[in-house]
């Protein structure tokens, strides 16, 4: 019995199914494009806390997808087994930013296209997507919203404070109002004219105002 007879699944025959040049070229390009995706993600990130592990995952995901698709395209039997194996995989990590999903699909798509041999499509497509993201994600057509929490001792003082606040900011919208005996609390969304927050000090010093708090609103905002 020879060594080749031990592997009845034609293991040795599959060693040369993908050439060394193809493997090196595909993985190097996958690393380069994955690094490009990493840099675009780092440049366009606008969430609360930047995750370096997720950014590195984009590079690894691009290379892993390329590796898997190279194996699948070289063996039809392996492709069927790979579909069954991947169907039982479940990802439990929560995606907090909607844009992160786009980066995940981008990395996977680049790996698939590279392994399929469509190098110009992968390179030019990635450059185009990166430019679009850099232009639109970093562009803010509105000023950042803030929340003002205002506590007053009555309706009249609350109205005076509201009139003063409307004159100091670009936009002021009442989000909620809580009225109790001897106190009124207002939650207002404001858009400041500039970065000066001195109006909050003046607001807190008005007659009848117990406290004034300015909070930056970092949640998802629609228009």
N, C-alpha and C. Protein backbone atom coordinates (compact mmCIF):
# COMPACT_ATOMS: atom_id res chain seq x y z
N UNK A 1 0.85 -1.19 0.00
CA UNK A 1 0.00 0.00 0.00
C UNK A 1 0.89 1.25 0.00
N UNK A 2 0.65 2.12 -0.89
CA UNK A 2 1.41 3.35 -0.99
C UNK A 2 0.76 4.45 -0.14
N UNK A 3 1.50 5.53 0.02
CA UNK A 3 0.98 6.66 0.79
C UNK A 3 -0.24 7.27 0.13
N UNK A 4 -0.26 7.23 -1.18
CA UNK A 4 -1.39 7.79 -1.93
C UNK A 4 -2.67 6.99 -1.73
N UNK A 5 -2.53 5.68 -1.43
CA UNK A 5 -3.71 4.84 -1.23
C UNK A 5 -4.40 5.11 0.11
N UNK A 6 -3.67 5.72 1.04
CA UNK A 6 -4.25 5.97 2.34
C UNK A 6 -5.40 6.99 2.24
N UNK A 7 -5.23 7.99 1.39
CA UNK A 7 -6.20 9.07 1.25
C UNK A 7 -7.17 8.71 0.13
N UNK A 8 -8.21 8.01 0.47
CA UNK A 8 -9.20 7.58 -0.50
C UNK A 8 -10.05 8.73 -1.01
N UNK A 9 -10.02 9.91 -0.32
CA UNK A 9 -10.83 11.05 -0.75
C UNK A 9 -10.08 11.94 -1.74
N UNK A 10 -9.01 11.42 -2.34
CA UNK A 10 -8.22 12.17 -3.32
C UNK A 10 -7.65 13.45 -2.71
N UNK A 11 -7.17 13.32 -1.48
CA UNK A 11 -6.64 14.49 -0.79
C UNK A 11 -5.42 15.05 -1.52
N UNK A 12 -4.52 14.16 -1.94
CA UNK A 12 -3.31 14.62 -2.60
C UNK A 12 -3.59 15.22 -3.97
N UNK A 13 -4.67 14.78 -4.61
CA UNK A 13 -5.00 15.32 -5.92
C UNK A 13 -5.49 16.77 -5.83
N UNK A 14 -6.01 17.15 -4.67
CA UNK A 14 -6.53 18.50 -4.52
C UNK A 14 -5.46 19.52 -4.14
N UNK A 15 -4.25 19.04 -3.87
CA UNK A 15 -3.20 19.97 -3.45
C UNK A 15 -2.87 20.96 -4.56
N UNK A 16 -2.84 20.50 -5.77
CA UNK A 16 -2.51 21.37 -6.89
C UNK A 16 -3.70 21.96 -7.61
N UNK A 17 -4.89 21.89 -7.01
CA UNK A 17 -6.09 22.41 -7.68
C UNK A 17 -6.05 23.93 -7.79
N UNK A 18 -5.40 24.61 -6.84
CA UNK A 18 -5.21 26.05 -6.89
C UNK A 18 -3.71 26.33 -6.92
N UNK A 19 -3.26 27.05 -7.93
CA UNK A 19 -1.83 27.29 -8.07
C UNK A 19 -1.33 28.24 -6.99
N UNK A 20 -0.04 28.14 -6.71
CA UNK A 20 0.57 28.98 -5.69
C UNK A 20 0.51 30.45 -6.08
N UNK A 21 0.67 30.73 -7.36
CA UNK A 21 0.63 32.12 -7.83
C UNK A 21 -0.75 32.72 -7.59
N UNK A 22 -1.80 31.94 -7.90
CA UNK A 22 -3.16 32.43 -7.70
C UNK A 22 -3.45 32.69 -6.21
N UNK A 23 -2.98 31.79 -5.36
CA UNK A 23 -3.21 31.96 -3.93
C UNK A 23 -2.53 33.22 -3.41
N UNK A 24 -1.26 33.40 -3.75
CA UNK A 24 -0.51 34.56 -3.25
C UNK A 24 -1.11 35.86 -3.79
N UNK A 25 -1.41 35.88 -5.09
CA UNK A 25 -1.96 37.09 -5.68
C UNK A 25 -3.31 37.45 -5.06
N UNK A 26 -4.17 36.45 -4.88
CA UNK A 26 -5.50 36.71 -4.33
C UNK A 26 -5.43 37.19 -2.89
N UNK A 27 -4.58 36.56 -2.08
CA UNK A 27 -4.48 36.94 -0.68
C UNK A 27 -3.82 38.31 -0.50
N UNK A 28 -2.83 38.64 -1.34
CA UNK A 28 -2.19 39.95 -1.26
C UNK A 28 -3.18 41.05 -1.64
N UNK A 29 -3.93 40.81 -2.72
CA UNK A 29 -4.94 41.79 -3.12
C UNK A 29 -6.04 41.91 -2.07
N UNK A 30 -6.42 40.77 -1.48
CA UNK A 30 -7.44 40.80 -0.42
C UNK A 30 -6.95 41.60 0.78
N UNK A 31 -5.69 41.44 1.13
CA UNK A 31 -5.14 42.22 2.24
C UNK A 31 -5.12 43.71 1.91
N UNK A 32 -4.71 44.05 0.68
CA UNK A 32 -4.66 45.45 0.28
C UNK A 32 -6.03 46.11 0.28
N UNK A 33 -7.02 45.43 -0.31
CA UNK A 33 -8.37 45.99 -0.33
C UNK A 33 -9.01 45.98 1.05
N UNK A 34 -8.71 44.95 1.84
CA UNK A 34 -9.19 44.94 3.22
C UNK A 34 -8.62 46.09 4.03
N UNK A 35 -7.35 46.41 3.79
CA UNK A 35 -6.74 47.54 4.47
C UNK A 35 -7.39 48.86 4.02
N UNK A 36 -7.75 48.93 2.74
CA UNK A 36 -8.44 50.11 2.24
C UNK A 36 -9.81 50.28 2.91
N UNK A 37 -10.53 49.16 3.06
CA UNK A 37 -11.82 49.19 3.75
C UNK A 37 -11.62 49.62 5.20
N UNK A 38 -10.57 49.11 5.82
CA UNK A 38 -10.24 49.48 7.20
C UNK A 38 -10.03 50.99 7.35
N UNK A 39 -9.28 51.57 6.41
CA UNK A 39 -8.99 53.01 6.48
C UNK A 39 -10.25 53.84 6.23
N UNK A 40 -11.10 53.39 5.30
CA UNK A 40 -12.35 54.11 5.04
C UNK A 40 -13.26 54.05 6.27
N UNK A 41 -13.32 52.88 6.90
CA UNK A 41 -14.14 52.74 8.11
C UNK A 41 -13.63 53.66 9.23
N UNK A 42 -12.33 53.71 9.39
CA UNK A 42 -11.75 54.55 10.44
C UNK A 42 -12.00 56.03 10.16
N UNK A 43 -11.98 56.39 8.87
CA UNK A 43 -12.17 57.79 8.50
C UNK A 43 -13.63 58.22 8.62
N UNK A 44 -14.55 57.32 8.34
CA UNK A 44 -15.97 57.68 8.31
C UNK A 44 -16.71 57.34 9.60
N UNK A 45 -16.02 56.75 10.58
CA UNK A 45 -16.72 56.35 11.81
C UNK A 45 -17.23 57.58 12.55
N UNK A 46 -18.50 57.54 12.92
CA UNK A 46 -19.12 58.68 13.62
C UNK A 46 -19.94 58.23 14.81
N UNK A 47 -19.72 57.01 15.30
CA UNK A 47 -20.48 56.49 16.43
C UNK A 47 -19.95 57.01 17.75
N UNK A 48 -20.43 56.37 18.81
CA UNK A 48 -20.05 56.81 20.15
C UNK A 48 -18.65 56.33 20.52
N UNK A 49 -18.34 55.06 20.26
CA UNK A 49 -17.05 54.49 20.64
C UNK A 49 -16.48 53.67 19.49
N UNK A 50 -15.26 54.03 19.06
CA UNK A 50 -14.60 53.34 17.95
C UNK A 50 -14.07 52.00 18.42
N UNK A 51 -14.36 50.94 17.63
CA UNK A 51 -13.91 49.59 17.96
C UNK A 51 -12.79 49.19 17.01
N UNK A 52 -11.57 49.12 17.53
CA UNK A 52 -10.45 48.73 16.68
C UNK A 52 -10.53 47.26 16.29
N UNK A 53 -11.11 46.42 17.14
CA UNK A 53 -11.24 45.00 16.82
C UNK A 53 -12.17 44.79 15.63
N UNK A 54 -13.26 45.56 15.55
CA UNK A 54 -14.16 45.45 14.41
C UNK A 54 -13.46 45.90 13.13
N UNK A 55 -12.65 46.96 13.21
CA UNK A 55 -11.93 47.44 12.04
C UNK A 55 -10.94 46.39 11.53
N UNK A 56 -10.23 45.74 12.44
CA UNK A 56 -9.30 44.67 12.03
C UNK A 56 -10.07 43.48 11.48
N UNK A 57 -11.28 43.24 11.99
CA UNK A 57 -12.10 42.15 11.49
C UNK A 57 -12.43 42.33 10.02
N UNK A 58 -12.58 43.56 9.57
CA UNK A 58 -12.87 43.82 8.16
C UNK A 58 -11.74 43.33 7.26
N UNK A 59 -10.50 43.54 7.70
CA UNK A 59 -9.36 43.05 6.92
C UNK A 59 -9.33 41.53 6.91
N UNK A 60 -9.50 40.94 8.09
CA UNK A 60 -9.48 39.48 8.19
C UNK A 60 -10.63 38.86 7.42
N UNK A 61 -11.81 39.47 7.46
CA UNK A 61 -12.97 38.93 6.77
C UNK A 61 -12.77 38.92 5.26
N UNK A 62 -12.14 39.96 4.74
CA UNK A 62 -11.86 40.00 3.31
C UNK A 62 -10.93 38.86 2.89
N UNK A 63 -9.88 38.61 3.66
CA UNK A 63 -8.93 37.55 3.33
C UNK A 63 -9.55 36.16 3.53
N UNK A 64 -10.33 36.00 4.60
CA UNK A 64 -10.94 34.69 4.85
C UNK A 64 -11.95 34.35 3.76
N UNK A 65 -12.75 35.33 3.34
CA UNK A 65 -13.72 35.08 2.27
C UNK A 65 -13.02 34.70 0.98
N UNK A 66 -11.92 35.38 0.68
CA UNK A 66 -11.14 35.04 -0.52
C UNK A 66 -10.62 33.62 -0.44
N UNK A 67 -10.11 33.23 0.71
CA UNK A 67 -9.59 31.88 0.90
C UNK A 67 -10.68 30.82 0.69
N UNK A 68 -11.85 31.07 1.27
CA UNK A 68 -12.96 30.11 1.16
C UNK A 68 -13.44 29.99 -0.28
N UNK A 69 -13.62 31.11 -0.95
CA UNK A 69 -14.13 31.08 -2.33
C UNK A 69 -13.11 30.45 -3.27
N UNK A 70 -11.83 30.64 -3.03
CA UNK A 70 -10.81 29.97 -3.85
C UNK A 70 -10.96 28.46 -3.75
N UNK A 71 -11.18 27.97 -2.54
CA UNK A 71 -11.37 26.52 -2.36
C UNK A 71 -12.65 26.04 -3.00
N UNK A 72 -13.71 26.82 -2.87
CA UNK A 72 -15.02 26.42 -3.41
C UNK A 72 -14.99 26.36 -4.93
N UNK A 73 -14.37 27.35 -5.56
CA UNK A 73 -14.36 27.40 -7.03
C UNK A 73 -13.47 26.32 -7.64
N UNK A 74 -12.60 25.73 -6.86
CA UNK A 74 -11.70 24.71 -7.39
C UNK A 74 -12.26 23.30 -7.25
N UNK A 75 -13.36 23.13 -6.50
CA UNK A 75 -13.89 21.80 -6.26
C UNK A 75 -15.40 21.90 -6.08
N UNK A 76 -16.16 21.27 -6.96
CA UNK A 76 -17.62 21.32 -6.90
C UNK A 76 -18.13 20.60 -5.65
N UNK A 77 -17.55 19.43 -5.33
CA UNK A 77 -17.98 18.68 -4.16
C UNK A 77 -17.75 19.48 -2.88
N UNK A 78 -16.60 20.16 -2.82
CA UNK A 78 -16.28 20.98 -1.66
C UNK A 78 -17.26 22.14 -1.52
N UNK A 79 -17.69 22.69 -2.64
CA UNK A 79 -18.63 23.81 -2.59
C UNK A 79 -19.95 23.40 -1.96
N UNK A 80 -20.43 22.20 -2.28
CA UNK A 80 -21.67 21.72 -1.67
C UNK A 80 -21.51 21.48 -0.18
N UNK A 81 -20.37 20.90 0.21
CA UNK A 81 -20.11 20.70 1.63
C UNK A 81 -19.95 22.00 2.39
N UNK A 82 -19.36 23.00 1.72
CA UNK A 82 -19.16 24.30 2.36
C UNK A 82 -20.50 24.99 2.63
N UNK A 83 -21.43 24.86 1.70
CA UNK A 83 -22.76 25.45 1.89
C UNK A 83 -23.43 24.84 3.11
N UNK A 84 -23.33 23.52 3.26
CA UNK A 84 -23.93 22.87 4.42
C UNK A 84 -23.25 23.24 5.72
N UNK A 85 -21.93 23.41 5.68
CA UNK A 85 -21.19 23.76 6.90
C UNK A 85 -21.50 25.18 7.34
N UNK A 86 -21.56 26.10 6.38
CA UNK A 86 -21.81 27.50 6.73
C UNK A 86 -23.25 27.75 7.13
N UNK A 87 -24.16 26.85 6.76
CA UNK A 87 -25.57 27.05 7.09
C UNK A 87 -25.83 26.89 8.59
N UNK A 88 -24.93 26.23 9.31
CA UNK A 88 -25.12 26.04 10.75
C UNK A 88 -24.41 27.11 11.57
N UNK A 89 -23.70 28.04 10.91
CA UNK A 89 -22.98 29.08 11.63
C UNK A 89 -23.97 30.18 12.02
N UNK A 90 -23.91 30.62 13.25
CA UNK A 90 -24.77 31.69 13.75
C UNK A 90 -23.89 32.78 14.37
N UNK A 91 -24.13 34.01 13.96
CA UNK A 91 -23.39 35.14 14.50
C UNK A 91 -24.27 35.86 15.52
N UNK A 92 -23.80 35.95 16.76
CA UNK A 92 -24.58 36.52 17.85
C UNK A 92 -24.16 37.94 18.21
N UNK A 93 -23.12 38.47 17.58
CA UNK A 93 -22.66 39.81 17.92
C UNK A 93 -23.64 40.84 17.38
N UNK A 94 -24.08 41.74 18.26
CA UNK A 94 -25.04 42.77 17.85
C UNK A 94 -24.32 43.88 17.08
N UNK A 95 -24.93 44.30 15.99
CA UNK A 95 -24.40 45.40 15.20
C UNK A 95 -25.11 46.68 15.66
N UNK A 96 -24.37 47.58 16.30
CA UNK A 96 -24.97 48.77 16.87
C UNK A 96 -25.14 49.88 15.85
N UNK A 97 -24.21 50.01 14.92
CA UNK A 97 -24.29 51.05 13.91
C UNK A 97 -24.78 50.46 12.59
N UNK A 98 -25.82 51.02 11.97
CA UNK A 98 -26.31 50.49 10.69
C UNK A 98 -25.25 50.49 9.59
N UNK A 99 -24.35 51.47 9.62
CA UNK A 99 -23.32 51.55 8.59
C UNK A 99 -22.32 50.40 8.70
N UNK A 100 -22.17 49.82 9.89
CA UNK A 100 -21.25 48.70 10.06
C UNK A 100 -21.67 47.50 9.20
N UNK A 101 -22.97 47.33 9.00
CA UNK A 101 -23.46 46.24 8.16
C UNK A 101 -22.97 46.40 6.72
N UNK A 102 -22.97 47.65 6.24
CA UNK A 102 -22.48 47.92 4.89
C UNK A 102 -21.01 47.56 4.75
N UNK A 103 -20.21 47.85 5.78
CA UNK A 103 -18.79 47.52 5.72
C UNK A 103 -18.57 46.01 5.76
N UNK A 104 -19.38 45.28 6.53
CA UNK A 104 -19.26 43.83 6.56
C UNK A 104 -19.57 43.22 5.19
N UNK A 105 -20.66 43.65 4.58
CA UNK A 105 -21.01 43.15 3.25
C UNK A 105 -19.97 43.56 2.21
N UNK A 106 -19.42 44.74 2.38
CA UNK A 106 -18.37 45.21 1.45
C UNK A 106 -17.15 44.29 1.52
N UNK A 107 -16.71 43.97 2.72
CA UNK A 107 -15.55 43.09 2.88
C UNK A 107 -15.82 41.70 2.30
N UNK A 108 -17.02 41.16 2.55
CA UNK A 108 -17.36 39.84 2.03
C UNK A 108 -17.44 39.87 0.51
N UNK A 109 -18.07 40.92 -0.04
CA UNK A 109 -18.22 41.02 -1.49
C UNK A 109 -16.86 41.12 -2.19
N UNK A 110 -15.95 41.89 -1.61
CA UNK A 110 -14.61 42.02 -2.20
C UNK A 110 -13.89 40.68 -2.19
N UNK A 111 -14.01 39.93 -1.11
CA UNK A 111 -13.38 38.61 -1.06
C UNK A 111 -13.94 37.67 -2.12
N UNK A 112 -15.25 37.69 -2.32
CA UNK A 112 -15.88 36.82 -3.32
C UNK A 112 -15.45 37.20 -4.72
N UNK A 113 -15.48 38.50 -5.02
CA UNK A 113 -15.14 38.96 -6.37
C UNK A 113 -13.66 38.70 -6.68
N UNK A 114 -12.79 38.91 -5.70
CA UNK A 114 -11.36 38.65 -5.92
C UNK A 114 -11.11 37.18 -6.20
N UNK A 115 -11.71 36.30 -5.40
CA UNK A 115 -11.49 34.87 -5.58
C UNK A 115 -12.07 34.39 -6.90
N UNK A 116 -13.06 35.08 -7.43
CA UNK A 116 -13.63 34.72 -8.73
C UNK A 116 -12.78 35.20 -9.89
N UNK A 117 -11.72 35.95 -9.61
CA UNK A 117 -10.81 36.40 -10.65
C UNK A 117 -11.17 37.75 -11.25
N UNK A 118 -12.18 38.40 -10.73
CA UNK A 118 -12.61 39.71 -11.27
C UNK A 118 -11.87 40.82 -10.53
N UNK A 119 -10.58 40.90 -10.76
CA UNK A 119 -9.74 41.85 -10.04
C UNK A 119 -10.10 43.30 -10.35
N UNK A 120 -10.27 43.70 -11.64
CA UNK A 120 -10.64 45.10 -11.90
C UNK A 120 -11.95 45.51 -11.23
N UNK A 121 -12.93 44.61 -11.23
CA UNK A 121 -14.20 44.91 -10.58
C UNK A 121 -14.02 45.13 -9.09
N UNK A 122 -13.20 44.29 -8.45
CA UNK A 122 -12.97 44.42 -7.01
C UNK A 122 -12.25 45.72 -6.67
N UNK A 123 -11.23 46.06 -7.46
CA UNK A 123 -10.44 47.26 -7.17
C UNK A 123 -11.22 48.53 -7.47
N UNK A 124 -11.75 48.63 -8.69
CA UNK A 124 -12.48 49.84 -9.07
C UNK A 124 -13.76 50.00 -8.26
N UNK A 125 -14.44 48.88 -8.01
CA UNK A 125 -15.65 48.95 -7.20
C UNK A 125 -15.37 49.41 -5.79
N UNK A 126 -14.28 48.93 -5.19
CA UNK A 126 -13.93 49.35 -3.83
C UNK A 126 -13.56 50.82 -3.78
N UNK A 127 -12.83 51.29 -4.78
CA UNK A 127 -12.46 52.71 -4.81
C UNK A 127 -13.71 53.59 -4.94
N UNK A 128 -14.64 53.17 -5.81
CA UNK A 128 -15.86 53.95 -5.99
C UNK A 128 -16.70 53.98 -4.70
N UNK A 129 -16.86 52.81 -4.06
CA UNK A 129 -17.62 52.74 -2.81
C UNK A 129 -16.95 53.56 -1.72
N UNK A 130 -15.63 53.49 -1.64
CA UNK A 130 -14.92 54.26 -0.63
C UNK A 130 -15.09 55.76 -0.81
N UNK A 131 -15.02 56.23 -2.07
CA UNK A 131 -15.21 57.66 -2.33
C UNK A 131 -16.62 58.10 -1.96
N UNK A 132 -17.62 57.28 -2.32
CA UNK A 132 -19.01 57.61 -1.99
C UNK A 132 -19.20 57.72 -0.48
N UNK A 133 -18.65 56.78 0.27
CA UNK A 133 -18.78 56.80 1.72
C UNK A 133 -18.07 58.01 2.34
N UNK A 134 -16.89 58.32 1.83
CA UNK A 134 -16.15 59.46 2.36
C UNK A 134 -16.89 60.78 2.11
N UNK A 135 -17.56 60.87 0.97
CA UNK A 135 -18.27 62.10 0.63
C UNK A 135 -19.55 62.25 1.44
N UNK A 136 -20.35 61.19 1.50
CA UNK A 136 -21.68 61.31 2.07
C UNK A 136 -21.71 61.12 3.59
N UNK A 137 -20.86 60.26 4.12
CA UNK A 137 -20.90 60.02 5.56
C UNK A 137 -20.37 61.22 6.33
N UNK A 138 -19.32 61.84 5.84
CA UNK A 138 -18.74 62.98 6.54
C UNK A 138 -19.47 64.29 6.29
N UNK A 139 -20.45 64.26 5.39
CA UNK A 139 -21.22 65.47 5.10
C UNK A 139 -22.43 65.54 6.00
N UNK A 140 -22.56 66.63 6.75
CA UNK A 140 -23.68 66.82 7.67
C UNK A 140 -24.49 68.04 7.23
N UNK A 141 -25.68 67.82 6.69
CA UNK A 141 -26.49 68.94 6.23
C UNK A 141 -27.20 69.67 7.37
N UNK A 142 -26.98 69.29 8.59
CA UNK A 142 -27.64 69.92 9.72
C UNK A 142 -26.66 70.05 10.87
N UNK A 143 -26.96 70.96 11.78
CA UNK A 143 -26.15 71.11 12.99
C UNK A 143 -26.49 70.04 14.00
N UNK A 144 -25.50 69.65 14.78
CA UNK A 144 -25.73 68.61 15.78
C UNK A 144 -26.80 69.04 16.77
N UNK A 145 -27.75 68.15 17.08
CA UNK A 145 -28.80 68.50 18.03
C UNK A 145 -28.32 68.38 19.47
N UNK A 146 -28.90 69.18 20.34
CA UNK A 146 -28.63 69.13 21.77
C UNK A 146 -29.96 69.08 22.52
N UNK A 147 -29.92 68.55 23.72
CA UNK A 147 -31.09 68.50 24.58
C UNK A 147 -30.86 69.42 25.78
N UNK A 148 -31.81 70.31 26.01
CA UNK A 148 -31.77 71.20 27.18
C UNK A 148 -32.82 70.73 28.17
N UNK A 149 -32.38 70.41 29.38
CA UNK A 149 -33.29 70.01 30.46
C UNK A 149 -33.43 71.21 31.38
N UNK A 150 -34.63 71.77 31.43
CA UNK A 150 -34.88 73.02 32.14
C UNK A 150 -35.86 72.78 33.28
N UNK A 151 -35.46 73.18 34.48
CA UNK A 151 -36.31 73.03 35.67
C UNK A 151 -36.64 74.41 36.21
N UNK A 152 -37.96 74.73 36.28
CA UNK A 152 -38.42 76.05 36.73
C UNK A 152 -39.41 75.88 37.88
N UNK A 153 -39.71 77.01 38.54
CA UNK A 153 -40.61 76.95 39.69
C UNK A 153 -42.07 77.24 39.32
N UNK A 154 -42.35 77.47 38.04
CA UNK A 154 -43.72 77.72 37.65
C UNK A 154 -43.84 77.95 36.15
N UNK A 155 -45.10 78.15 35.71
CA UNK A 155 -45.35 78.31 34.28
C UNK A 155 -44.77 79.60 33.74
N UNK A 156 -44.88 80.69 34.48
CA UNK A 156 -44.40 81.97 33.99
C UNK A 156 -42.89 81.98 33.79
N UNK A 157 -42.16 81.46 34.76
CA UNK A 157 -40.70 81.40 34.63
C UNK A 157 -40.28 80.46 33.50
N UNK A 158 -41.03 79.38 33.31
CA UNK A 158 -40.73 78.46 32.22
C UNK A 158 -40.95 79.13 30.88
N UNK A 159 -42.00 79.94 30.75
CA UNK A 159 -42.26 80.63 29.50
C UNK A 159 -41.20 81.69 29.21
N UNK A 160 -40.78 82.43 30.27
CA UNK A 160 -39.71 83.41 30.07
C UNK A 160 -38.42 82.74 29.62
N UNK A 161 -38.10 81.60 30.23
CA UNK A 161 -36.89 80.86 29.86
C UNK A 161 -36.98 80.36 28.43
N UNK A 162 -38.16 79.90 28.05
CA UNK A 162 -38.35 79.40 26.69
C UNK A 162 -38.20 80.52 25.66
N UNK A 163 -38.74 81.70 25.96
CA UNK A 163 -38.60 82.84 25.06
C UNK A 163 -37.14 83.25 24.91
N UNK A 164 -36.42 83.24 26.02
CA UNK A 164 -34.99 83.59 25.96
C UNK A 164 -34.21 82.57 25.14
N UNK A 165 -34.52 81.28 25.35
CA UNK A 165 -33.79 80.22 24.65
C UNK A 165 -34.05 80.27 23.15
N UNK A 166 -35.28 80.54 22.75
CA UNK A 166 -35.60 80.62 21.33
C UNK A 166 -34.85 81.76 20.64
N UNK A 167 -34.53 82.81 21.38
CA UNK A 167 -33.79 83.94 20.81
C UNK A 167 -32.29 83.65 20.69
N UNK A 168 -31.80 82.67 21.46
CA UNK A 168 -30.37 82.40 21.50
C UNK A 168 -29.93 81.28 20.56
N UNK A 169 -30.86 80.41 20.18
CA UNK A 169 -30.49 79.25 19.36
C UNK A 169 -31.16 79.34 18.00
N UNK A 170 -30.68 78.48 17.11
CA UNK A 170 -31.23 78.46 15.75
C UNK A 170 -32.61 77.81 15.70
N UNK A 171 -32.80 76.79 16.51
CA UNK A 171 -34.08 76.08 16.53
C UNK A 171 -34.33 75.54 17.92
N UNK A 172 -35.57 75.59 18.36
CA UNK A 172 -35.94 75.10 19.69
C UNK A 172 -37.30 74.42 19.60
N UNK A 173 -37.33 73.14 20.01
CA UNK A 173 -38.57 72.35 19.95
C UNK A 173 -38.78 71.69 21.29
N UNK A 174 -39.98 71.84 21.84
CA UNK A 174 -40.32 71.20 23.12
C UNK A 174 -40.60 69.72 22.87
N UNK A 175 -39.84 68.87 23.54
CA UNK A 175 -40.01 67.42 23.40
C UNK A 175 -40.91 66.85 24.49
N UNK A 176 -40.79 67.37 25.69
CA UNK A 176 -41.66 66.91 26.78
C UNK A 176 -41.75 67.99 27.85
N UNK A 177 -42.86 67.94 28.60
CA UNK A 177 -43.08 68.90 29.68
C UNK A 177 -43.70 68.16 30.85
N UNK A 178 -43.06 68.30 32.02
CA UNK A 178 -43.56 67.69 33.25
C UNK A 178 -43.91 68.79 34.24
N UNK A 179 -45.18 68.85 34.60
CA UNK A 179 -45.65 69.90 35.52
C UNK A 179 -46.07 69.27 36.84
N UNK A 180 -45.50 69.75 37.92
CA UNK A 180 -45.87 69.34 39.26
C UNK A 180 -46.15 70.59 40.09
N UNK A 181 -46.66 70.40 41.28
CA UNK A 181 -46.97 71.55 42.13
C UNK A 181 -45.67 72.24 42.54
N UNK A 182 -45.53 73.46 42.09
CA UNK A 182 -44.34 74.24 42.43
C UNK A 182 -43.15 74.03 41.52
N UNK A 183 -43.27 73.23 40.46
CA UNK A 183 -42.13 73.01 39.56
C UNK A 183 -42.61 72.60 38.17
N UNK A 184 -41.86 73.00 37.15
CA UNK A 184 -42.11 72.65 35.76
C UNK A 184 -40.78 72.22 35.14
N UNK A 185 -40.76 71.07 34.51
CA UNK A 185 -39.55 70.58 33.86
C UNK A 185 -39.80 70.45 32.36
N UNK A 186 -38.91 71.03 31.57
CA UNK A 186 -39.00 71.00 30.11
C UNK A 186 -37.80 70.29 29.52
N UNK A 187 -38.05 69.44 28.54
CA UNK A 187 -37.00 68.82 27.74
C UNK A 187 -37.12 69.37 26.32
N UNK A 188 -36.09 70.08 25.88
CA UNK A 188 -36.16 70.76 24.59
C UNK A 188 -35.01 70.34 23.70
N UNK A 189 -35.30 70.16 22.43
CA UNK A 189 -34.25 69.91 21.43
C UNK A 189 -33.87 71.24 20.80
N UNK A 190 -32.58 71.55 20.82
CA UNK A 190 -32.11 72.83 20.28
C UNK A 190 -31.01 72.60 19.26
N UNK A 191 -30.93 73.52 18.32
CA UNK A 191 -29.82 73.59 17.35
C UNK A 191 -29.13 74.92 17.56
N UNK A 192 -27.90 74.87 18.02
CA UNK A 192 -27.18 76.09 18.36
C UNK A 192 -26.69 76.80 17.11
N UNK A 193 -26.56 78.11 17.20
CA UNK A 193 -26.07 78.91 16.08
C UNK A 193 -24.56 78.73 15.90
N UNK A 194 -23.85 78.53 17.01
CA UNK A 194 -22.40 78.32 16.98
C UNK A 194 -22.03 77.43 18.17
N UNK A 195 -20.73 77.34 18.43
CA UNK A 195 -20.26 76.45 19.49
C UNK A 195 -20.31 77.08 20.87
N UNK A 196 -20.77 78.32 20.98
CA UNK A 196 -20.80 79.01 22.27
C UNK A 196 -21.96 78.48 23.11
N UNK A 197 -21.66 78.02 24.32
CA UNK A 197 -22.69 77.49 25.23
C UNK A 197 -22.92 78.42 26.42
N UNK A 198 -22.51 79.68 26.29
CA UNK A 198 -22.66 80.62 27.40
C UNK A 198 -24.10 80.95 27.72
N UNK A 199 -25.00 80.71 26.75
CA UNK A 199 -26.41 81.03 27.01
C UNK A 199 -26.98 80.14 28.11
N UNK A 200 -26.39 78.96 28.34
CA UNK A 200 -26.87 78.07 29.38
C UNK A 200 -26.62 78.69 30.76
N UNK A 201 -25.48 79.36 30.93
CA UNK A 201 -25.18 80.02 32.20
C UNK A 201 -26.17 81.14 32.47
N UNK A 202 -26.46 81.92 31.42
CA UNK A 202 -27.43 83.01 31.59
C UNK A 202 -28.83 82.45 31.85
N UNK A 203 -29.14 81.35 31.18
CA UNK A 203 -30.45 80.72 31.36
C UNK A 203 -30.63 80.23 32.79
N UNK A 204 -29.59 79.65 33.36
CA UNK A 204 -29.66 79.14 34.73
C UNK A 204 -29.79 80.26 35.76
N UNK A 205 -29.36 81.49 35.37
CA UNK A 205 -29.43 82.60 36.30
C UNK A 205 -30.72 83.40 36.21
N UNK A 206 -31.62 83.04 35.33
CA UNK A 206 -32.89 83.76 35.22
C UNK A 206 -33.75 83.52 36.45
N UNK A 207 -34.60 84.47 36.73
CA UNK A 207 -35.47 84.37 37.89
C UNK A 207 -36.46 83.22 37.72
N UNK A 208 -36.54 82.38 38.74
CA UNK A 208 -37.46 81.26 38.71
C UNK A 208 -36.88 79.98 38.12
N UNK A 209 -35.68 80.04 37.56
CA UNK A 209 -35.03 78.85 36.98
C UNK A 209 -34.20 78.16 38.05
N UNK A 210 -34.50 76.91 38.30
CA UNK A 210 -33.78 76.15 39.33
C UNK A 210 -32.51 75.51 38.77
N UNK A 211 -32.58 75.00 37.54
CA UNK A 211 -31.40 74.40 36.92
C UNK A 211 -31.59 74.35 35.41
N UNK A 212 -30.47 74.35 34.69
CA UNK A 212 -30.47 74.23 33.23
C UNK A 212 -29.32 73.33 32.82
N UNK A 213 -29.63 72.26 32.10
CA UNK A 213 -28.62 71.27 31.71
C UNK A 213 -28.62 71.13 30.20
N UNK A 214 -27.42 71.17 29.60
CA UNK A 214 -27.25 71.00 28.16
C UNK A 214 -26.57 69.67 27.91
N UNK A 215 -27.20 68.82 27.09
CA UNK A 215 -26.70 67.48 26.81
C UNK A 215 -26.57 67.29 25.30
N UNK A 216 -25.41 66.78 24.86
CA UNK A 216 -25.23 66.47 23.45
C UNK A 216 -26.00 65.21 23.11
N UNK A 217 -26.76 65.25 22.00
CA UNK A 217 -27.58 64.11 21.59
C UNK A 217 -26.83 63.33 20.53
N UNK A 218 -26.42 62.09 20.87
CA UNK A 218 -25.63 61.26 19.97
C UNK A 218 -26.41 60.12 19.35
N UNK A 219 -27.70 60.09 19.53
CA UNK A 219 -28.49 59.00 18.98
C UNK A 219 -28.73 59.15 17.50
N UNK A 220 -29.42 58.18 16.90
CA UNK A 220 -29.76 58.24 15.49
C UNK A 220 -30.74 59.37 15.26
N UNK A 221 -30.47 60.17 14.25
CA UNK A 221 -31.34 61.32 13.97
C UNK A 221 -31.75 61.28 12.51
N UNK A 222 -33.02 61.48 12.27
CA UNK A 222 -33.54 61.49 10.91
C UNK A 222 -33.93 62.90 10.53
N UNK A 223 -33.14 63.47 9.58
CA UNK A 223 -33.45 64.78 9.02
C UNK A 223 -33.66 65.83 10.01
